[in-house]
Amino acid sequence: MKLLALVVSLIGLAQTQDTGVHPEWPRWCGKVYKPEYPSFNPGGQTVEPARLADGPALHIQFKPRYSVYIESENEAEFIVNAAVSEWFGSKWPGLANPATAPPVVFTVNMVSNNNVLVSNHVQPGTTGNLFKFNLTSVQPSLEPYQVVLFGAPEAGSPNITVSSEFFYLPEKKSGSVTKIDNLHGGMLFRNSATKGQFQPILPYGFYAQCVGLFCEDDYQARIKAYSDLGLNGMVPLTPITRNPAAFAYMNTLPDMHYMYDLRDYFRNLSLVESQVTAVKDHENIYSYWGTDEPDGWQYPFNTTIAVTDLIHKLDPYHPVAVTLNCQNYYFGPYTRGFDFIMEDAYPIAINSTFSKWGTACNATYGDCGCDNCHGNVQDVPSRLDDLIQYEKWLGLWPKTKVHNPQSFHGEDYWFRDPTPAEEVVMNALAFNHHAKSIISWVWPTSDALAQIHGKYAKVVAQVPVRDFIVLSEAQPLPTKCNKVVDAAYWKYENQVLLNVVNGGYEPINRTVRVPLPDSIKPSSIKSVEWGNGTWALKDGTLRLGSIDAMSANMIILDL
């Protein structure tokens, strides 16, 4: 629970805790947490859907490659997935062997005038298929264009119809634009500093409190010192009306991207409108923080939908984020309408089984500061994996994920700060499990954590590592040496980024073979980006010498 920054009265909370069971009782993530109330099933769990009675089906989904296109762009792409699913889709011949099944012959048409944008085919069992189309005949608009995919085999039946939409926005004359890559999940950003060209960004930084930064007389020096650490992302926990000069100053720093905080206003749409109007044309804004932990507070679903609809209407040039706190409480409704999802599993130095409130913590009872956590760094990748699994079970297109690491202690939940080693490992694990940004709670933090975050950010948020993480997708690698060792790689152009993480408190005092897939044949080790492990590449086999406890090792390989 982020108690220290919420501007919400207890009376207001009681009036708005409308989802789940017993909304009149004090709850978190749908569960009561005080001993005078009985345990019950909170509901809201996302579970595996029933499997199709007639066997696997063809699940066609399609999206524009990027969340927005701009008038100066003449070409766009659709991504078409033709997955074989046990839960969703249409009957299709030959799915027992998708590689030889009849291809899907399809068109993508504009709903408004039936113009054909794409005419092509796709093979069942494949995903990530890209199809270009021309934008010169499309008029820029602040409203999304509705499109429909019509598909069938050459034989003519069965037929498949799937809907989607895309934004082709008028040219933006001032300020920034952010687009999300719907294929790999990364963000691209442009402003005057990028000379109008979209560049990959990996925002890395903190939620920053007013006290200690924006509310101080020397706020410029403090913001500059923050940036000089290597941190390139921030969520100011201060409205622009409090210190507009501080926001103006941030707009002058080419490597300082910020997410604008609307969490205290989202239930007052007139305030949301005034805030968005004030910042939407700023140089360095990259997104909005629409709502904080609506699942934890059990906010009514319509409040989060209303705020995303309004923000998108006022400013379609920037995405909107939500932070989820719960492990599994109404995931679908609480992420609906948002463009990317942040999770804030804070597992370090908690009592994961018994709470400060005097109750046990389990799936139906209690609040121990990290919902359904075990109290170790593995809770971070587990949470990200859960979110990805829920999207699959709900048949949703995966949204960009962001990790909010714990960089604090207190509130009688967290008995110490994470160590610098734990901090790096949690973030390294998050990257391995598809996080595309790191925004830590909360600044100011300890000097030790400020320094290690800055040091790590200078590696992962900058070229060359940044481009692997943003422009490609993490691929897991099996590790047999130890259950707390986690490895992944990213392939980009003719190189591979490899990240091996020991999430245990004991070193591994032997050489570990890193099992790369047969399709990855490294020719040499180009660079060591992080860690002090000893790497060796011989006859195509990659080995890592003894691995320190609670450590990450990252290298780039030439192919």
Protein backbone atom coordinates (compact mmCIF):
# COMPACT_ATOMS: atom_id res chain seq x y z
CA MET A 1 0.00 0.00 0.00
CA LYS A 2 1.46 3.37 -0.96
CA LEU A 3 0.05 5.11 2.10
CA LEU A 4 2.60 7.89 2.23
CA ALA A 5 1.48 9.74 -0.90
CA LEU A 6 -2.24 9.16 -1.28
CA VAL A 7 -4.49 12.15 -0.96
CA VAL A 8 -7.68 10.26 -0.22
CA SER A 9 -9.85 10.44 2.87
CA LEU A 10 -11.05 7.39 4.71
CA ILE A 11 -14.62 8.48 4.11
CA GLY A 12 -13.98 8.73 0.39
CA LEU A 13 -12.43 5.29 0.34
CA ALA A 14 -15.40 3.75 2.10
CA GLN A 15 -17.66 5.24 -0.53
CA THR A 16 -15.64 3.96 -3.48
CA GLN A 17 -14.62 0.44 -2.44
CA ASP A 18 -17.34 -1.07 -4.60
CA THR A 19 -15.74 -4.09 -6.27
CA GLY A 20 -15.54 -7.53 -4.76
CA VAL A 21 -17.22 -9.00 -1.69
CA HIS A 22 -18.12 -7.01 1.44
CA PRO A 23 -17.21 -3.54 0.16
CA GLU A 24 -18.38 -2.13 3.50
CA TRP A 25 -15.43 -3.78 5.28
CA PRO A 26 -11.80 -2.58 5.22
CA ARG A 27 -10.08 -4.60 2.48
CA TRP A 28 -7.00 -4.60 0.27
CA CYS A 29 -6.97 -6.54 -2.99
CA GLY A 30 -10.49 -7.63 -2.06
CA LYS A 31 -9.31 -9.28 1.18
CA VAL A 32 -10.08 -8.12 4.70
CA TYR A 33 -6.94 -7.44 6.70
CA LYS A 34 -8.16 -6.84 10.25
CA PRO A 35 -8.76 -9.68 12.73
CA GLU A 36 -12.31 -8.64 13.63
CA TYR A 37 -13.45 -9.63 10.13
CA PRO A 38 -13.67 -13.21 8.84
CA SER A 39 -11.71 -14.57 5.91
CA PHE A 40 -13.54 -15.12 2.61
CA ASN A 41 -12.76 -15.67 -1.03
CA PRO A 42 -12.25 -12.13 -2.44
CA GLY A 43 -13.23 -13.14 -5.98
CA GLY A 44 -11.95 -11.38 -9.06
CA GLN A 45 -9.37 -14.06 -9.92
CA THR A 46 -8.35 -14.52 -13.53
CA VAL A 47 -8.22 -18.26 -14.20
CA GLU A 48 -7.61 -20.50 -17.17
CA PRO A 49 -10.71 -20.56 -19.37
CA ALA A 50 -12.45 -23.78 -20.32
CA ARG A 51 -10.80 -25.51 -23.24
CA LEU A 52 -12.73 -25.67 -26.49
CA ALA A 53 -14.76 -28.86 -26.67
CA ASP A 54 -13.89 -29.50 -30.31
CA GLY A 55 -10.15 -29.13 -29.86
CA PRO A 56 -7.75 -26.32 -30.79
CA ALA A 57 -8.91 -23.42 -32.95
CA LEU A 58 -7.29 -20.70 -35.01
CA HIS A 59 -7.07 -17.48 -32.99
CA ILE A 60 -6.53 -14.56 -35.36
CA GLN A 61 -5.58 -11.22 -33.77
CA PHE A 62 -4.20 -8.11 -35.42
CA LYS A 63 -2.95 -4.72 -34.32
CA PRO A 64 -1.10 -1.80 -35.86
CA ARG A 65 2.64 -2.19 -35.33
CA TYR A 66 2.70 1.08 -33.40
CA SER A 67 0.09 2.60 -31.15
CA VAL A 68 0.07 5.81 -33.20
CA TYR A 69 1.24 6.96 -36.60
CA ILE A 70 1.83 10.62 -37.43
CA GLU A 71 0.94 12.61 -40.55
CA SER A 72 4.60 12.84 -41.58
CA GLU A 73 4.73 9.04 -41.87
CA ASN A 74 3.68 7.59 -45.22
CA GLU A 75 3.69 3.92 -44.35
CA ALA A 76 2.39 1.75 -41.52
CA GLU A 77 2.20 -1.93 -40.64
CA PHE A 78 -0.25 -4.38 -39.18
CA ILE A 79 0.84 -7.30 -37.01
CA VAL A 80 -1.18 -10.45 -37.64
CA ASN A 81 -1.06 -13.36 -35.20
CA ALA A 82 -2.47 -16.70 -36.31
CA ALA A 83 -1.96 -18.72 -33.14
CA VAL A 84 -3.41 -22.15 -32.52
CA SER A 85 -5.35 -21.84 -29.26
CA GLU A 86 -6.99 -24.25 -26.85
CA TRP A 87 -9.31 -21.49 -25.61
CA PHE A 88 -10.21 -19.03 -28.37
CA GLY A 89 -10.75 -18.82 -32.08
CA SER A 90 -12.48 -20.41 -35.04
CA LYS A 91 -12.44 -23.92 -36.40
CA TRP A 92 -9.88 -24.34 -39.17
CA PRO A 93 -8.85 -27.38 -41.18
CA GLY A 94 -5.53 -29.09 -40.62
CA LEU A 95 -4.59 -27.62 -37.23
CA ALA A 96 -3.12 -30.94 -36.08
CA ASN A 97 -0.12 -29.84 -38.18
CA PRO A 98 -0.34 -26.03 -38.51
CA ALA A 99 2.66 -25.81 -40.84
CA THR A 100 0.74 -27.69 -43.54
CA ALA A 101 -2.72 -26.29 -42.77
CA PRO A 102 -4.34 -24.10 -45.42
CA PRO A 103 -3.12 -20.51 -45.15
CA VAL A 104 -5.48 -17.73 -44.17
CA VAL A 105 -6.09 -15.55 -47.21
CA PHE A 106 -7.18 -12.18 -45.87
CA THR A 107 -7.80 -8.52 -46.44
CA VAL A 108 -7.75 -5.66 -43.95
CA ASN A 109 -10.43 -3.11 -44.82
CA MET A 110 -11.34 0.33 -43.53
CA VAL A 111 -14.77 0.18 -41.94
CA SER A 112 -15.66 3.72 -43.04
CA ASN A 113 -15.29 3.19 -46.81
CA ASN A 114 -14.31 -0.49 -47.26
CA ASN A 115 -10.94 0.48 -48.78
CA VAL A 116 -8.51 -2.43 -48.75
CA LEU A 117 -5.30 -1.61 -46.84
CA VAL A 118 -3.72 -5.07 -46.94
CA SER A 119 -4.36 -8.15 -49.08
CA ASN A 120 -2.17 -11.12 -48.22
CA HIS A 121 -2.06 -14.50 -46.46
CA VAL A 122 -0.73 -15.90 -43.21
CA GLN A 123 0.13 -19.42 -42.09
CA PRO A 124 -1.68 -20.91 -39.07
CA GLY A 125 0.59 -21.39 -36.06
CA THR A 126 2.62 -18.24 -36.73
CA THR A 127 2.69 -14.94 -34.87
CA GLY A 128 4.33 -11.57 -35.37
CA ASN A 129 3.62 -11.45 -39.11
CA LEU A 130 4.09 -7.91 -40.45
CA PHE A 131 2.19 -6.42 -43.39
CA LYS A 132 2.86 -2.92 -44.65
CA PHE A 133 0.24 -0.56 -45.98
CA ASN A 134 0.25 2.92 -47.48
CA LEU A 135 -1.06 5.90 -45.51
CA THR A 136 -1.17 8.41 -48.36
CA SER A 137 -4.86 7.77 -49.01
CA VAL A 138 -5.78 8.07 -45.31
CA GLN A 139 -6.69 11.43 -43.83
CA PRO A 140 -5.07 12.26 -40.47
CA SER A 141 -7.59 12.30 -37.64
CA LEU A 142 -7.68 12.64 -33.87
CA GLU A 143 -10.11 9.71 -33.80
CA PRO A 144 -8.99 6.13 -34.41
CA TYR A 145 -9.84 4.42 -37.69
CA GLN A 146 -11.81 1.20 -37.35
CA VAL A 147 -10.53 -1.69 -39.46
CA VAL A 148 -11.66 -5.26 -40.03
CA LEU A 149 -9.81 -8.37 -41.18
CA PHE A 150 -11.73 -10.79 -43.40
CA GLY A 151 -10.07 -14.19 -43.74
CA ALA A 152 -10.79 -17.57 -45.30
CA PRO A 153 -8.92 -20.50 -46.89
CA GLU A 154 -8.68 -20.63 -50.65
CA ALA A 155 -11.53 -23.13 -50.58
CA GLY A 156 -13.78 -20.34 -49.33
CA SER A 157 -14.84 -21.46 -45.86
CA PRO A 158 -14.74 -21.19 -42.91
CA ASN A 159 -14.72 -17.40 -42.68
CA ILE A 160 -12.97 -15.31 -40.04
CA THR A 161 -13.76 -11.70 -39.11
CA VAL A 162 -11.65 -9.74 -36.62
CA SER A 163 -11.80 -6.03 -35.72
CA SER A 164 -9.12 -3.58 -34.66
CA GLU A 165 -8.27 0.12 -34.96
CA PHE A 166 -5.34 2.39 -35.67
CA PHE A 167 -4.42 6.03 -35.07
CA TYR A 168 -3.13 8.22 -37.89
CA LEU A 169 -2.76 11.54 -36.13
CA PRO A 170 -2.27 15.05 -37.48
CA GLU A 171 1.29 16.30 -37.29
CA LYS A 172 2.14 17.60 -33.83
CA LYS A 173 3.56 21.11 -34.03
CA SER A 174 5.02 21.30 -30.52
CA GLY A 175 6.05 18.98 -27.74
CA SER A 176 6.72 15.26 -27.72
CA VAL A 177 5.09 12.12 -29.09
CA THR A 178 5.40 8.58 -27.72
CA LYS A 179 4.44 5.44 -29.59
CA ILE A 180 4.31 1.90 -28.22
CA ASP A 181 5.61 -0.97 -30.31
CA ASN A 182 2.81 -3.55 -30.26
CA LEU A 183 5.21 -6.23 -31.51
CA HIS A 184 7.99 -6.03 -28.91
CA GLY A 185 6.47 -3.75 -26.27
CA GLY A 186 9.07 -1.01 -26.23
CA MET A 187 8.53 2.75 -26.48
CA LEU A 188 9.68 5.17 -29.16
CA PHE A 189 9.87 8.89 -28.44
CA ARG A 190 10.37 12.08 -30.41
CA ASN A 191 10.65 15.75 -29.58
CA SER A 192 12.72 18.70 -30.77
CA ALA A 193 15.86 17.21 -29.18
CA THR A 194 15.50 14.11 -31.42
CA LYS A 195 14.96 16.44 -34.41
CA GLY A 196 11.53 14.95 -34.95
CA GLN A 197 12.84 11.39 -35.32
CA PHE A 198 11.43 8.58 -33.21
CA GLN A 199 14.07 7.00 -31.00
CA PRO A 200 13.85 4.11 -28.55
CA ILE A 201 13.60 5.09 -24.90
CA LEU A 202 13.87 3.01 -21.75
CA PRO A 203 12.67 5.33 -18.96
CA TYR A 204 14.65 4.52 -15.81
CA GLY A 205 14.19 6.48 -12.63
CA PHE A 206 11.93 7.17 -9.66
CA TYR A 207 8.62 8.42 -8.49
CA ALA A 208 9.86 11.71 -7.06
CA GLN A 209 8.26 13.39 -4.05
CA CYS A 210 7.77 17.12 -3.82
CA VAL A 211 9.73 17.37 -0.55
CA GLY A 212 13.37 16.84 -1.38
CA LEU A 213 13.02 17.84 -5.03
CA PHE A 214 10.28 20.04 -6.53
CA CYS A 215 9.38 21.85 -3.32
CA GLU A 216 12.93 22.97 -2.58
CA ASP A 217 14.38 26.37 -3.47
CA ASP A 218 17.29 24.69 -5.25
CA TYR A 219 15.03 22.39 -7.30
CA GLN A 220 17.06 22.99 -10.48
CA ALA A 221 20.28 21.76 -8.87
CA ARG A 222 18.45 18.77 -7.40
CA ILE A 223 16.84 17.79 -10.72
CA LYS A 224 20.21 18.21 -12.48
CA ALA A 225 21.94 16.03 -9.85
CA TYR A 226 19.25 13.37 -10.35
CA SER A 227 19.81 13.45 -14.10
CA ASP A 228 23.60 13.41 -13.72
CA LEU A 229 23.35 10.09 -11.88
CA GLY A 230 22.26 8.58 -15.18
CA LEU A 231 18.53 8.50 -14.43
CA ASN A 232 16.50 9.41 -17.52
CA GLY A 233 12.94 8.88 -16.29
CA MET A 234 10.80 10.36 -13.53
CA VAL A 235 7.24 10.48 -12.25
CA PRO A 236 7.00 13.82 -10.40
CA LEU A 237 4.56 13.45 -7.50
CA THR A 238 3.82 17.15 -7.84
CA PRO A 239 1.20 18.87 -10.00
CA ILE A 240 2.44 21.38 -12.51
CA THR A 241 0.49 24.08 -10.71
CA ARG A 242 2.73 23.64 -7.65
CA ASN A 243 5.98 24.41 -9.48
CA PRO A 244 5.57 25.08 -13.21
CA ALA A 245 9.16 26.32 -13.39
CA ALA A 246 10.44 22.89 -12.38
CA PHE A 247 8.59 21.25 -15.26
CA ALA A 248 9.87 23.95 -17.61
CA TYR A 249 13.38 23.18 -16.44
CA MET A 250 12.96 19.43 -16.98
CA ASN A 251 11.88 20.19 -20.54
CA THR A 252 15.35 21.67 -21.16
CA LEU A 253 17.16 18.44 -20.19
CA PRO A 254 17.40 16.24 -23.30
CA ASP A 255 17.65 12.98 -21.34
CA MET A 256 14.92 13.59 -18.75
CA HIS A 257 11.60 11.99 -19.73
CA TYR A 258 8.70 12.17 -17.34
CA MET A 259 5.34 10.55 -16.75
CA TYR A 260 2.70 12.98 -15.52
CA ASP A 261 0.92 11.95 -12.31
CA LEU A 262 -2.89 12.04 -12.41
CA ARG A 263 -3.58 9.46 -9.71
CA ASP A 264 -4.97 12.00 -7.21
CA TYR A 265 -7.29 13.53 -9.82
CA PHE A 266 -8.65 10.59 -11.80
CA ARG A 267 -12.08 10.67 -10.14
CA ASN A 268 -12.46 14.39 -10.90
CA LEU A 269 -12.49 14.62 -14.67
CA SER A 270 -12.50 18.41 -14.76
CA LEU A 271 -9.20 18.41 -12.84
CA VAL A 272 -7.84 15.74 -15.17
CA GLU A 273 -8.72 17.90 -18.16
CA SER A 274 -7.00 20.97 -16.75
CA GLN A 275 -3.86 19.00 -15.87
CA VAL A 276 -3.61 17.26 -19.26
CA THR A 277 -4.21 20.52 -21.08
CA ALA A 278 -1.35 22.11 -19.12
CA VAL A 279 1.28 19.47 -19.96
CA LYS A 280 0.31 17.71 -23.19
CA ASP A 281 2.55 19.89 -25.38
CA HIS A 282 5.61 19.72 -23.14
CA GLU A 283 8.89 18.63 -24.65
CA ASN A 284 9.75 15.76 -22.33
CA ILE A 285 6.47 14.20 -21.24
CA TYR A 286 6.30 10.59 -22.39
CA SER A 287 3.12 9.29 -20.72
CA TYR A 288 0.47 9.78 -18.06
CA TRP A 289 0.03 7.87 -14.82
CA GLY A 290 -3.72 7.45 -14.92
CA THR A 291 -4.46 5.48 -11.76
CA ASP A 292 -2.45 4.01 -8.91
CA GLU A 293 -3.35 0.57 -7.54
CA PRO A 294 -7.06 0.60 -8.41
CA ASP A 295 -7.09 -3.14 -7.73
CA GLY A 296 -5.73 -2.65 -4.22
CA TRP A 297 -8.21 0.14 -3.42
CA GLN A 298 -11.00 -1.77 -5.20
CA TYR A 299 -12.08 1.33 -7.12
CA PRO A 300 -15.23 1.03 -9.25
CA PHE A 301 -14.35 -0.07 -12.77
CA ASN A 302 -16.12 2.86 -14.41
CA THR A 303 -13.80 5.40 -12.76
CA THR A 304 -10.68 4.02 -14.42
CA ILE A 305 -12.40 3.65 -17.79
CA ALA A 306 -13.65 7.24 -17.65
CA VAL A 307 -10.21 8.69 -17.00
CA THR A 308 -8.47 6.76 -19.78
CA ASP A 309 -11.18 7.72 -22.26
CA LEU A 310 -10.78 11.38 -21.37
CA ILE A 311 -6.97 11.41 -21.48
CA HIS A 312 -6.92 9.67 -24.85
CA LYS A 313 -9.43 12.18 -26.19
CA LEU A 314 -7.45 15.17 -24.89
CA ASP A 315 -4.03 13.82 -25.85
CA PRO A 316 -3.81 10.80 -28.16
CA TYR A 317 -0.07 11.46 -28.62
CA HIS A 318 0.97 9.96 -25.27
CA PRO A 319 0.10 6.60 -23.65
CA VAL A 320 -1.58 6.14 -20.28
CA ALA A 321 -0.33 3.80 -17.53
CA VAL A 322 -1.90 2.03 -14.57
CA THR A 323 -0.10 0.54 -11.56
CA LEU A 324 -1.38 -2.80 -10.30
CA ASN A 325 -0.60 -3.92 -6.75
CA CYS A 326 -2.54 -7.17 -6.45
CA GLN A 327 -1.36 -10.55 -7.58
CA ASN A 328 -4.74 -11.54 -9.05
CA TYR A 329 -7.74 -9.26 -8.51
CA TYR A 330 -9.88 -8.25 -11.50
CA PHE A 331 -6.91 -7.94 -13.82
CA GLY A 332 -9.01 -7.51 -16.96
CA PRO A 333 -11.30 -4.69 -15.77
CA TYR A 334 -8.52 -2.79 -14.02
CA THR A 335 -6.25 -2.75 -17.08
CA ARG A 336 -8.98 -2.04 -19.64
CA GLY A 337 -8.27 1.12 -21.59
CA PHE A 338 -4.72 1.60 -20.34
CA ASP A 339 -1.80 1.43 -22.76
CA PHE A 340 0.76 -0.12 -20.44
CA ILE A 341 0.84 -1.80 -17.06
CA MET A 342 3.17 -1.14 -14.16
CA GLU A 343 3.46 -3.63 -11.29
CA ASP A 344 4.76 -2.73 -7.84
CA ALA A 345 5.61 -5.98 -6.10
CA TYR A 346 7.68 -4.88 -3.06
CA PRO A 347 8.97 -8.13 -1.56
CA ILE A 348 12.12 -7.25 0.39
CA ALA A 349 12.16 -7.55 4.21
CA ILE A 350 8.47 -8.29 4.62
CA ASN A 351 6.77 -10.84 6.84
CA SER A 352 4.94 -12.62 4.06
CA THR A 353 2.82 -14.83 6.34
CA PHE A 354 1.63 -12.59 9.22
CA SER A 355 0.75 -8.89 8.99
CA LYS A 356 1.10 -5.83 11.18
CA TRP A 357 -2.68 -5.89 11.47
CA GLY A 358 -2.62 -9.17 13.40
CA THR A 359 -3.81 -11.61 10.75
CA ALA A 360 -2.34 -14.31 8.60
CA CYS A 361 -1.58 -13.46 4.97
CA ASN A 362 -2.79 -15.85 2.31
CA ALA A 363 -4.96 -15.97 -0.78
CA THR A 364 -8.12 -15.01 1.14
CA TYR A 365 -6.93 -12.97 4.12
CA GLY A 366 -4.53 -10.24 5.17
CA ASP A 367 -2.21 -7.58 3.80
CA CYS A 368 1.54 -8.06 4.24
CA GLY A 369 2.74 -5.31 1.88
CA CYS A 370 3.24 -7.57 -1.14
CA ASP A 371 0.15 -9.46 -2.22
CA ASN A 372 0.58 -13.25 -2.21
CA CYS A 373 4.36 -12.86 -2.20
CA HIS A 374 7.05 -15.08 -0.71
CA GLY A 375 9.31 -12.23 0.34
CA ASN A 376 12.21 -12.67 -2.09
CA VAL A 377 13.47 -11.23 -5.37
CA GLN A 378 11.72 -13.99 -7.33
CA ASP A 379 8.40 -12.31 -6.53
CA VAL A 380 9.21 -9.73 -9.22
CA PRO A 381 9.50 -12.09 -12.21
CA SER A 382 6.63 -14.16 -10.84
CA ARG A 383 4.38 -11.10 -10.84
CA LEU A 384 5.33 -10.17 -14.39
CA ASP A 385 4.77 -13.76 -15.51
CA ASP A 386 1.34 -13.70 -13.87
CA LEU A 387 0.29 -10.58 -15.76
CA ILE A 388 1.38 -12.12 -19.06
CA GLN A 389 -0.50 -15.31 -18.25
CA TYR A 390 -3.69 -13.42 -17.45
CA GLU A 391 -3.55 -11.71 -20.83
CA LYS A 392 -3.27 -15.11 -22.51
CA TRP A 393 -6.18 -16.52 -20.51
CA LEU A 394 -8.33 -13.51 -21.38
CA GLY A 395 -7.37 -13.59 -25.06
CA LEU A 396 -5.88 -10.08 -24.88
CA TRP A 397 -3.09 -8.56 -26.91
CA PRO A 398 -0.12 -8.21 -24.50
CA LYS A 399 0.50 -4.73 -23.15
CA THR A 400 3.85 -3.16 -22.33
CA LYS A 401 5.02 -3.99 -18.79
CA VAL A 402 6.98 -1.74 -16.42
CA HIS A 403 8.56 -2.73 -13.12
CA ASN A 404 8.30 -0.45 -10.08
CA PRO A 405 11.09 -1.64 -7.77
CA GLN A 406 11.13 -1.16 -4.03
CA SER A 407 13.66 1.49 -2.98
CA PHE A 408 12.37 2.24 0.51
CA HIS A 409 11.37 0.71 3.83
CA GLY A 410 8.82 1.49 6.52
CA GLU A 411 5.10 1.53 7.27
CA ASP A 412 5.67 -1.58 9.40
CA TYR A 413 5.55 -3.70 6.25
CA TRP A 414 9.14 -3.37 4.97
CA PHE A 415 11.77 -3.60 7.71
CA ARG A 416 14.78 -2.47 5.66
CA ASP A 417 15.74 -1.11 2.28
CA PRO A 418 16.76 -3.58 -0.39
CA THR A 419 20.53 -3.89 -0.67
CA PRO A 420 22.12 -2.50 -3.86
CA ALA A 421 22.65 -6.09 -5.00
CA GLU A 422 19.00 -6.99 -4.44
CA GLU A 423 17.94 -3.86 -6.31
CA VAL A 424 19.98 -4.70 -9.40
CA VAL A 425 18.85 -8.31 -9.36
CA MET A 426 15.15 -7.42 -9.12
CA ASN A 427 15.53 -5.09 -12.10
CA ALA A 428 17.61 -7.58 -14.09
CA LEU A 429 14.98 -10.25 -13.44
CA ALA A 430 12.28 -7.81 -14.54
CA PHE A 431 14.04 -7.27 -17.86
CA ASN A 432 14.36 -11.02 -18.34
CA HIS A 433 10.60 -11.25 -17.88
CA HIS A 434 9.64 -8.58 -20.40
CA ALA A 435 9.75 -5.30 -18.45
CA LYS A 436 10.54 -2.34 -20.72
CA SER A 437 11.10 0.38 -18.11
CA ILE A 438 12.07 0.81 -14.45
CA ILE A 439 10.40 3.39 -12.23
CA SER A 440 11.29 2.95 -8.56
CA TRP A 441 9.38 3.99 -5.43
CA VAL A 442 10.46 6.47 -4.08
CA TRP A 443 12.81 9.52 -4.38
CA PRO A 444 14.62 10.72 -2.31
CA THR A 445 16.06 7.35 -1.45
CA SER A 446 19.24 6.31 0.34
CA ASP A 447 22.51 7.38 -1.22
CA ALA A 448 23.48 3.74 -1.77
CA LEU A 449 20.32 3.00 -3.75
CA ALA A 450 20.50 6.28 -5.67
CA GLN A 451 24.05 5.46 -6.73
CA ILE A 452 23.37 1.87 -7.80
CA HIS A 453 20.26 2.84 -9.75
CA GLY A 454 22.21 5.54 -11.55
CA LYS A 455 25.07 3.18 -12.31
CA TYR A 456 22.74 0.49 -13.66
CA ALA A 457 20.67 3.01 -15.62
CA LYS A 458 23.82 4.21 -17.42
CA VAL A 459 24.10 0.70 -18.82
CA VAL A 460 20.56 -0.49 -19.51
CA ALA A 461 18.93 2.82 -20.52
CA GLN A 462 21.67 3.81 -22.96
CA VAL A 463 23.02 2.48 -26.25
CA PRO A 464 23.80 -0.32 -26.90
CA VAL A 465 21.88 -2.27 -24.22
CA ARG A 466 18.80 -0.06 -24.48
CA ASP A 467 18.16 -0.98 -28.10
CA PHE A 468 18.16 -4.71 -27.41
CA ILE A 469 15.61 -4.41 -24.61
CA VAL A 470 13.37 -1.84 -26.32
CA LEU A 471 13.52 -3.03 -29.93
CA SER A 472 13.55 -6.77 -29.32
CA GLU A 473 11.94 -9.22 -26.94
CA ALA A 474 13.42 -11.25 -24.10
CA GLN A 475 13.72 -14.96 -24.83
CA PRO A 476 14.08 -17.22 -21.78
CA LEU A 477 16.94 -19.68 -21.52
CA PRO A 478 16.73 -22.89 -19.50
CA THR A 479 19.18 -23.02 -16.60
CA LYS A 480 19.77 -26.36 -14.90
CA CYS A 481 22.49 -25.30 -12.50
CA ASN A 482 20.27 -23.76 -9.83
CA LYS A 483 16.58 -22.89 -9.49
CA VAL A 484 17.37 -19.29 -8.54
CA VAL A 485 19.43 -18.69 -11.69
CA ASP A 486 17.44 -16.94 -14.41
CA ALA A 487 18.71 -16.24 -17.94
CA ALA A 488 17.37 -14.58 -21.07
CA TYR A 489 18.65 -13.19 -24.35
CA TRP A 490 17.62 -10.52 -26.84
CA LYS A 491 18.56 -10.75 -30.51
CA TYR A 492 18.87 -7.46 -32.38
CA GLU A 493 20.37 -7.17 -35.84
CA ASN A 494 23.55 -9.31 -35.83
CA GLN A 495 24.14 -9.35 -32.09
CA VAL A 496 22.73 -10.90 -28.93
CA LEU A 497 22.39 -9.42 -25.45
CA LEU A 498 22.60 -12.09 -22.74
CA ASN A 499 21.60 -11.58 -19.10
CA VAL A 500 22.29 -14.23 -16.43
CA VAL A 501 20.96 -13.52 -12.93
CA ASN A 502 21.67 -15.31 -9.67
CA GLY A 503 18.73 -14.47 -7.42
CA GLY A 504 20.07 -16.48 -4.50
CA TYR A 505 22.03 -15.47 -1.42
CA GLU A 506 24.75 -18.06 -2.08
CA PRO A 507 27.43 -17.92 -4.79
CA ILE A 508 27.67 -20.61 -7.45
CA ASN A 509 31.27 -21.73 -7.19
CA ARG A 510 31.58 -23.56 -10.47
CA THR A 511 31.54 -22.86 -14.16
CA VAL A 512 28.07 -22.71 -15.68
CA ARG A 513 27.35 -23.57 -19.30
CA VAL A 514 24.87 -21.14 -20.84
CA PRO A 515 22.65 -23.14 -23.22
CA LEU A 516 22.01 -20.93 -26.22
CA PRO A 517 19.51 -22.19 -28.81
CA ASP A 518 20.82 -23.77 -32.00
CA SER A 519 19.77 -20.70 -33.98
CA ILE A 520 22.17 -18.50 -31.97
CA LYS A 521 25.79 -19.15 -32.97
CA PRO A 522 28.05 -16.53 -31.39
CA SER A 523 31.37 -15.81 -33.03
CA SER A 524 32.85 -13.68 -30.26
CA ILE A 525 32.16 -11.81 -27.03
CA LYS A 526 31.87 -8.17 -28.03
CA SER A 527 31.56 -6.57 -24.58
CA VAL A 528 30.81 -7.17 -20.92
CA GLU A 529 28.09 -4.69 -19.96
CA TRP A 530 27.47 -5.61 -16.31
CA GLY A 531 28.84 -7.93 -13.65
CA ASN A 532 32.22 -9.35 -12.72
CA GLY A 533 31.75 -12.92 -13.89
CA THR A 534 34.35 -14.55 -16.12
CA TRP A 535 33.02 -15.43 -19.57
CA ALA A 536 34.53 -17.87 -22.06
CA LEU A 537 33.44 -18.76 -25.59
CA LYS A 538 35.04 -21.79 -27.18
CA ASP A 539 33.82 -23.86 -30.12
CA GLY A 540 30.44 -22.15 -29.97
CA THR A 541 29.91 -23.03 -26.30
CA LEU A 542 29.46 -20.17 -23.83
CA ARG A 543 30.45 -20.56 -20.19
CA LEU A 544 30.29 -18.30 -17.18
CA GLY A 545 32.71 -18.80 -14.31
CA SER A 546 31.66 -18.77 -10.67
CA ILE A 547 28.68 -16.47 -10.11
CA ASP A 548 28.49 -14.17 -7.11
CA ALA A 549 25.54 -14.34 -4.76
CA MET A 550 22.71 -11.95 -5.69
CA SER A 551 24.28 -10.77 -8.92
CA ALA A 552 23.61 -10.12 -12.59
CA ASN A 553 25.98 -10.63 -15.51
CA MET A 554 25.25 -9.11 -18.91
CA ILE A 555 27.23 -9.40 -22.14
CA ILE A 556 26.83 -8.68 -25.84
CA LEU A 557 27.76 -11.38 -28.36
CA ASP A 558 28.58 -10.95 -32.03
CA LEU A 559 27.00 -13.48 -34.37
